[in-house]
Amino acid sequence: MVVRRSSGLATGDPRARVHIAAVGFEVERVTEPILSERADRVYLIVRSPHDAARPFLDEVVRRLKRARPTIEVRVRTADIWDVFGALAAMRTIFEEEGRDDRRAPGVVPIRVNVSTGTKISAIAGTLACMLWKGEPYYVQVAETWYSRQAPRVRRVNDLVRRVDPVAVYELRRPAPELVELLAALDRRGGALRKRELIRELGLDRRPVEDGRGVTPTAQAQHSRLRHRLEPLEQRWGFVATDRAGARGRVTLTPQGRLALALFGPVGSGGGVNPLNAVNQKATK
């Protein structure tokens, strides 16, 4: 649902200032960053247009409609209690806006509010920014509508309906030599010719266990590199090569940057540690 047509930049324009915010029981926490940064367009993600948060959504839309210059407001429905449902909705937005390439130059990142909605949607927003061209932000508030309601323990505090299992997916850590290759690409801007990558990794020198001091042949060097590249490209998609042979170029993919941030040295992967980002958000 599109609430208002903006007089600003069209969908897909790389200069457009775009915001995403999941809406729960918040108003100012959603609207203030959008208004202060003079966004061209905003996507509001709600669980349902008719749930208990509908009055808050209506007020958010009402305030944004009064903005000058006008802001285009688009309301999207997604399960903000499911990380994959929320992430899928955000991926659609990033693709529509042409912000699905994290390394694309000259493109204004989508700004994602990770302080509204649910903790699950906040995690999804953080992951979306790490995967695609996005910048997460957290809106701190001094007081909320429920701040003056002093919590107290009652005889019955929660009515538990059921306990649902949470599906988890195994994250297997790549072997150290594979992480080393990802880090080497990251150090050199994310892409290297195979010949350059061999030198960067020291594969042109004799193996440590080789006491004879024999330098590997060119064929042996490329064989050692291929042994590392194949699982990274074919199994995980962490790297991509543009062609076979010694002149091929190896590029670190967005998935590879995420893997490097997860499994590499602290500070690698573009300076983002997604575990810290997600864990900090999940505890607030």
Protein backbone atom coordinates (compact mmCIF):
# COMPACT_ATOMS: atom_id res chain seq x y z
CA MET A 1 0.00 0.00 0.00
CA VAL A 2 1.35 3.40 -1.03
CA VAL A 3 0.05 6.20 1.17
CA ARG A 4 1.48 9.24 -0.58
CA ARG A 5 3.47 9.92 -3.71
CA SER A 6 6.65 11.81 -3.04
CA SER A 7 7.80 14.75 -5.11
CA GLY A 8 11.35 13.45 -4.58
CA LEU A 9 13.38 10.76 -6.30
CA ALA A 10 11.80 7.69 -7.90
CA THR A 11 12.18 4.06 -6.91
CA GLY A 12 15.61 2.77 -7.87
CA ASP A 13 17.23 6.21 -8.03
CA PRO A 14 20.61 5.69 -6.33
CA ARG A 15 20.40 9.15 -4.74
CA ALA A 16 17.06 8.59 -3.02
CA ARG A 17 17.11 8.72 0.77
CA VAL A 18 15.19 5.61 1.80
CA HIS A 19 14.30 4.42 5.29
CA ILE A 20 12.89 1.12 6.57
CA ALA A 21 11.19 0.82 9.95
CA ALA A 22 9.19 -1.99 11.50
CA VAL A 23 6.27 -0.50 13.44
CA GLY A 24 5.08 -1.81 16.78
CA PHE A 25 3.92 0.37 19.66
CA GLU A 26 6.08 3.38 18.70
CA VAL A 27 5.51 6.74 17.03
CA GLU A 28 8.32 9.27 17.57
CA ARG A 29 10.93 6.53 17.53
CA VAL A 30 9.81 5.84 13.95
CA THR A 31 9.05 9.32 12.67
CA GLU A 32 11.81 11.53 14.10
CA PRO A 33 14.78 10.06 12.15
CA ILE A 34 12.73 10.03 8.94
CA LEU A 35 11.66 13.66 9.30
CA SER A 36 15.01 14.96 10.53
CA GLU A 37 16.90 13.29 7.69
CA ARG A 38 14.34 14.47 5.10
CA ALA A 39 13.79 11.05 3.60
CA ASP A 40 12.37 10.72 0.09
CA ARG A 41 10.67 7.44 0.83
CA VAL A 42 9.95 5.19 3.80
CA TYR A 43 8.87 1.57 4.06
CA LEU A 44 6.87 0.75 7.17
CA ILE A 45 6.76 -2.97 7.94
CA VAL A 46 3.85 -4.21 10.05
CA ARG A 47 2.71 -7.66 11.08
CA SER A 48 -0.85 -6.92 10.02
CA PRO A 49 -2.68 -3.71 9.06
CA HIS A 50 -5.40 -4.68 11.53
CA ASP A 51 -3.53 -5.82 14.65
CA ALA A 52 -3.18 -4.08 18.02
CA ALA A 53 -0.49 -1.73 16.68
CA ARG A 54 -2.83 -0.24 14.03
CA PRO A 55 -3.42 3.03 15.97
CA PHE A 56 0.35 3.57 16.17
CA LEU A 57 0.75 2.88 12.44
CA ASP A 58 -2.04 5.35 11.65
CA GLU A 59 -0.38 8.05 13.74
CA VAL A 60 3.02 7.43 12.14
CA VAL A 61 1.47 7.74 8.67
CA ARG A 62 -0.47 10.87 9.68
CA ARG A 63 2.68 12.64 10.86
CA LEU A 64 4.70 11.63 7.81
CA LYS A 65 1.94 12.83 5.45
CA ARG A 66 2.27 16.33 6.91
CA ALA A 67 5.96 16.53 6.04
CA ARG A 68 7.20 19.18 3.62
CA PRO A 69 8.66 18.29 1.20
CA THR A 70 6.40 15.28 0.96
CA ILE A 71 7.55 11.79 1.86
CA GLU A 72 6.37 8.71 -0.01
CA VAL A 73 5.11 6.17 2.53
CA ARG A 74 4.80 2.51 1.65
CA VAL A 75 3.34 -0.01 4.09
CA ARG A 76 4.48 -3.63 3.76
CA THR A 77 3.18 -6.66 5.65
CA ALA A 78 5.56 -9.28 7.05
CA ASP A 79 5.85 -11.49 10.09
CA ILE A 80 8.07 -9.29 12.25
CA TRP A 81 8.27 -12.11 14.79
CA ASP A 82 10.05 -14.36 12.28
CA VAL A 83 13.59 -13.41 11.30
CA PHE A 84 13.39 -15.03 7.87
CA GLY A 85 10.00 -13.50 7.09
CA ALA A 86 11.21 -10.05 8.09
CA LEU A 87 14.49 -10.52 6.23
CA ALA A 88 12.66 -11.62 3.07
CA ALA A 89 10.51 -8.48 3.15
CA MET A 90 13.60 -6.30 3.56
CA ARG A 91 15.40 -8.10 0.76
CA THR A 92 12.52 -7.28 -1.59
CA ILE A 93 12.81 -3.61 -0.65
CA PHE A 94 16.59 -3.54 -1.14
CA GLU A 95 16.21 -5.16 -4.57
CA GLU A 96 13.42 -2.81 -5.65
CA GLU A 97 15.52 0.17 -4.67
CA GLY A 98 18.64 -1.20 -6.38
CA ARG A 99 20.54 -1.39 -3.09
CA ASP A 100 21.25 -5.13 -3.14
CA ASP A 101 24.95 -4.69 -4.00
CA ARG A 102 26.79 -3.80 -0.81
CA ARG A 103 29.88 -2.62 -2.69
CA ALA A 104 28.10 -0.53 -5.33
CA PRO A 105 29.77 2.92 -5.53
CA GLY A 106 27.81 6.16 -5.61
CA VAL A 107 24.69 4.63 -4.05
CA VAL A 108 23.10 6.07 -0.91
CA PRO A 109 22.59 3.19 1.58
CA ILE A 110 19.11 2.44 2.84
CA ARG A 111 18.78 3.49 6.47
CA VAL A 112 17.17 0.83 8.67
CA ASN A 113 15.68 1.56 12.09
CA VAL A 114 16.64 -1.36 14.34
CA SER A 115 15.08 0.09 17.51
CA THR A 116 11.41 -0.36 16.53
CA GLY A 117 9.11 -3.30 15.92
CA THR A 118 10.33 -6.48 17.60
CA LYS A 119 13.75 -7.75 18.63
CA ILE A 120 13.41 -10.25 15.79
CA SER A 121 12.82 -7.53 13.19
CA ALA A 122 15.80 -5.64 14.65
CA ILE A 123 18.01 -8.68 14.08
CA ALA A 124 16.65 -9.01 10.54
CA GLY A 125 17.36 -5.34 9.88
CA THR A 126 20.92 -5.68 11.12
CA LEU A 127 21.52 -8.72 8.92
CA ALA A 128 19.96 -6.95 5.91
CA CYS A 129 22.39 -4.06 6.29
CA MET A 130 25.33 -6.47 6.48
CA LEU A 131 24.22 -8.36 3.39
CA TRP A 132 23.11 -5.44 1.22
CA LYS A 133 23.62 -1.68 0.91
CA GLY A 134 22.21 -0.58 4.24
CA GLU A 135 23.02 1.38 7.39
CA PRO A 136 21.28 0.39 10.65
CA TYR A 137 20.51 2.93 13.33
CA TYR A 138 19.16 2.72 16.87
CA VAL A 139 16.95 5.48 18.29
CA GLN A 140 17.52 6.01 21.99
CA VAL A 141 14.68 7.58 23.95
CA ALA A 142 14.58 9.23 27.35
CA GLU A 143 11.02 8.13 28.05
CA THR A 144 8.31 6.03 26.40
CA TRP A 145 4.56 5.85 26.87
CA TYR A 146 4.95 2.97 29.33
CA SER A 147 7.87 4.42 31.32
CA ARG A 148 5.67 5.70 34.16
CA GLN A 149 3.95 2.37 34.66
CA ALA A 150 6.00 0.88 37.47
CA PRO A 151 6.29 -2.87 36.94
CA ARG A 152 5.14 -5.10 39.77
CA VAL A 153 4.89 -8.82 40.30
CA ARG A 154 1.37 -10.22 40.44
CA ARG A 155 0.01 -13.61 41.37
CA VAL A 156 -0.38 -14.37 37.66
CA ASN A 157 1.96 -12.44 35.39
CA ASP A 158 1.81 -14.19 32.03
CA LEU A 159 -0.67 -16.59 30.48
CA VAL A 160 1.54 -19.06 28.63
CA ARG A 161 -0.24 -20.50 25.62
CA ARG A 162 2.51 -22.79 24.34
CA VAL A 163 6.25 -23.14 23.97
CA ASP A 164 7.40 -23.18 20.35
CA PRO A 165 10.76 -24.60 19.29
CA VAL A 166 13.01 -22.18 17.41
CA ALA A 167 14.60 -23.51 14.25
CA VAL A 168 18.34 -22.97 14.21
CA TYR A 169 20.78 -23.47 11.37
CA GLU A 170 24.28 -24.79 11.84
CA LEU A 171 27.07 -22.40 10.99
CA ARG A 172 30.16 -24.44 10.21
CA ARG A 173 33.40 -22.58 10.60
CA PRO A 174 35.55 -22.82 7.45
CA ALA A 175 39.05 -24.23 7.86
CA PRO A 176 41.67 -21.64 8.94
CA GLU A 177 43.35 -21.61 5.53
CA LEU A 178 40.02 -20.76 3.90
CA VAL A 179 39.38 -17.88 6.29
CA GLU A 180 42.94 -16.73 5.58
CA LEU A 181 42.08 -16.53 1.86
CA LEU A 182 38.98 -14.42 2.58
CA ALA A 183 41.06 -12.10 4.77
CA ALA A 184 43.69 -11.76 2.03
CA LEU A 185 41.04 -10.64 -0.46
CA ASP A 186 39.61 -8.21 2.07
CA ARG A 187 43.04 -6.67 2.71
CA ARG A 188 43.50 -6.05 -1.00
CA GLY A 189 40.15 -4.42 -1.67
CA GLY A 190 38.04 -7.52 -2.22
CA ALA A 191 39.42 -8.78 -5.55
CA LEU A 192 42.73 -10.17 -6.85
CA ARG A 193 44.06 -12.01 -9.85
CA LYS A 194 44.89 -15.62 -9.04
CA ARG A 195 48.60 -14.94 -9.51
CA GLU A 196 48.42 -12.06 -7.03
CA LEU A 197 46.41 -14.13 -4.59
CA ILE A 198 49.03 -16.89 -4.71
CA ARG A 199 51.71 -14.38 -3.72
CA GLU A 200 49.50 -12.81 -1.04
CA LEU A 201 48.97 -16.22 0.57
CA GLY A 202 52.59 -17.28 0.17
CA LEU A 203 51.65 -20.28 -1.95
CA ASP A 204 54.59 -19.54 -4.24
CA ARG A 205 56.95 -20.45 -1.42
CA ARG A 206 57.85 -23.96 -0.39
CA PRO A 207 55.57 -25.60 2.18
CA VAL A 208 56.73 -25.37 5.78
CA GLU A 209 56.85 -29.16 6.03
CA ASP A 210 59.06 -29.36 2.95
CA GLY A 211 62.61 -29.48 4.34
CA ARG A 212 64.21 -29.77 0.92
CA GLY A 213 63.80 -26.08 0.13
CA VAL A 214 62.24 -26.72 -3.30
CA THR A 215 60.06 -23.89 -4.65
CA PRO A 216 56.72 -25.24 -5.94
CA THR A 217 56.21 -25.20 -9.68
CA ALA A 218 53.61 -22.84 -11.17
CA GLN A 219 51.32 -25.83 -11.65
CA ALA A 220 51.72 -26.84 -8.02
CA GLN A 221 51.03 -23.28 -6.84
CA HIS A 222 47.77 -23.10 -8.77
CA SER A 223 46.84 -26.55 -7.54
CA ARG A 224 47.28 -25.39 -3.93
CA LEU A 225 45.15 -22.33 -4.63
CA ARG A 226 42.46 -24.36 -6.39
CA HIS A 227 42.25 -26.65 -3.35
CA ARG A 228 41.20 -23.60 -1.30
CA LEU A 229 39.04 -21.86 -3.89
CA GLU A 230 36.79 -24.77 -4.82
CA PRO A 231 34.98 -25.17 -1.46
CA LEU A 232 34.76 -21.39 -0.96
CA GLU A 233 33.13 -20.91 -4.36
CA GLN A 234 31.18 -24.10 -4.99
CA ARG A 235 30.07 -25.02 -1.48
CA TRP A 236 29.58 -21.70 0.29
CA GLY A 237 29.57 -19.01 -2.39
CA PHE A 238 32.06 -16.91 -0.42
CA VAL A 239 34.13 -16.07 -3.50
CA ALA A 240 33.52 -15.84 -7.24
CA THR A 241 35.97 -16.26 -10.12
CA ASP A 242 35.34 -14.67 -13.50
CA ARG A 243 37.17 -17.33 -15.54
CA ALA A 244 39.40 -20.36 -15.35
CA GLY A 245 43.15 -20.20 -15.67
CA ALA A 246 45.96 -18.21 -14.14
CA ARG A 247 44.54 -14.87 -15.26
CA GLY A 248 41.21 -15.40 -13.57
CA ARG A 249 40.08 -12.82 -11.03
CA VAL A 250 38.82 -13.86 -7.59
CA THR A 251 36.25 -11.63 -5.87
CA LEU A 252 34.98 -11.68 -2.31
CA THR A 253 31.17 -11.95 -2.37
CA PRO A 254 28.78 -10.33 0.16
CA GLN A 255 28.34 -13.77 1.74
CA GLY A 256 32.12 -14.02 1.99
CA ARG A 257 32.31 -10.67 3.78
CA LEU A 258 29.68 -11.83 6.23
CA ALA A 259 31.59 -15.07 6.79
CA LEU A 260 34.82 -13.14 7.33
CA ALA A 261 33.10 -10.89 9.84
CA LEU A 262 31.75 -13.95 11.65
CA PHE A 263 34.82 -16.16 11.57
CA GLY A 264 37.77 -13.90 10.77
CA PRO A 265 39.97 -11.74 13.00
CA VAL A 266 38.29 -8.96 14.97
CA GLY A 267 37.87 -5.92 12.76
CA SER A 268 37.81 -7.87 9.48
CA GLY A 269 34.91 -7.93 7.05
CA GLY A 270 34.62 -4.19 6.61
CA GLY A 271 34.87 -3.41 10.32
CA VAL A 272 31.55 -5.12 11.16
CA ASN A 273 31.17 -7.78 13.79
CA PRO A 274 27.63 -9.12 13.23
CA LEU A 275 27.72 -11.28 16.32
CA ASN A 276 28.25 -8.22 18.49
CA ALA A 277 25.65 -6.25 16.59
CA VAL A 278 23.03 -8.97 16.85
CA ASN A 279 23.76 -9.91 20.46
CA GLN A 280 23.69 -6.31 21.65
CA LYS A 281 20.33 -5.76 19.95
CA ALA A 282 18.84 -8.98 21.26
CA THR A 283 19.52 -7.97 24.85
CA LYS A 284 17.93 -4.52 24.66
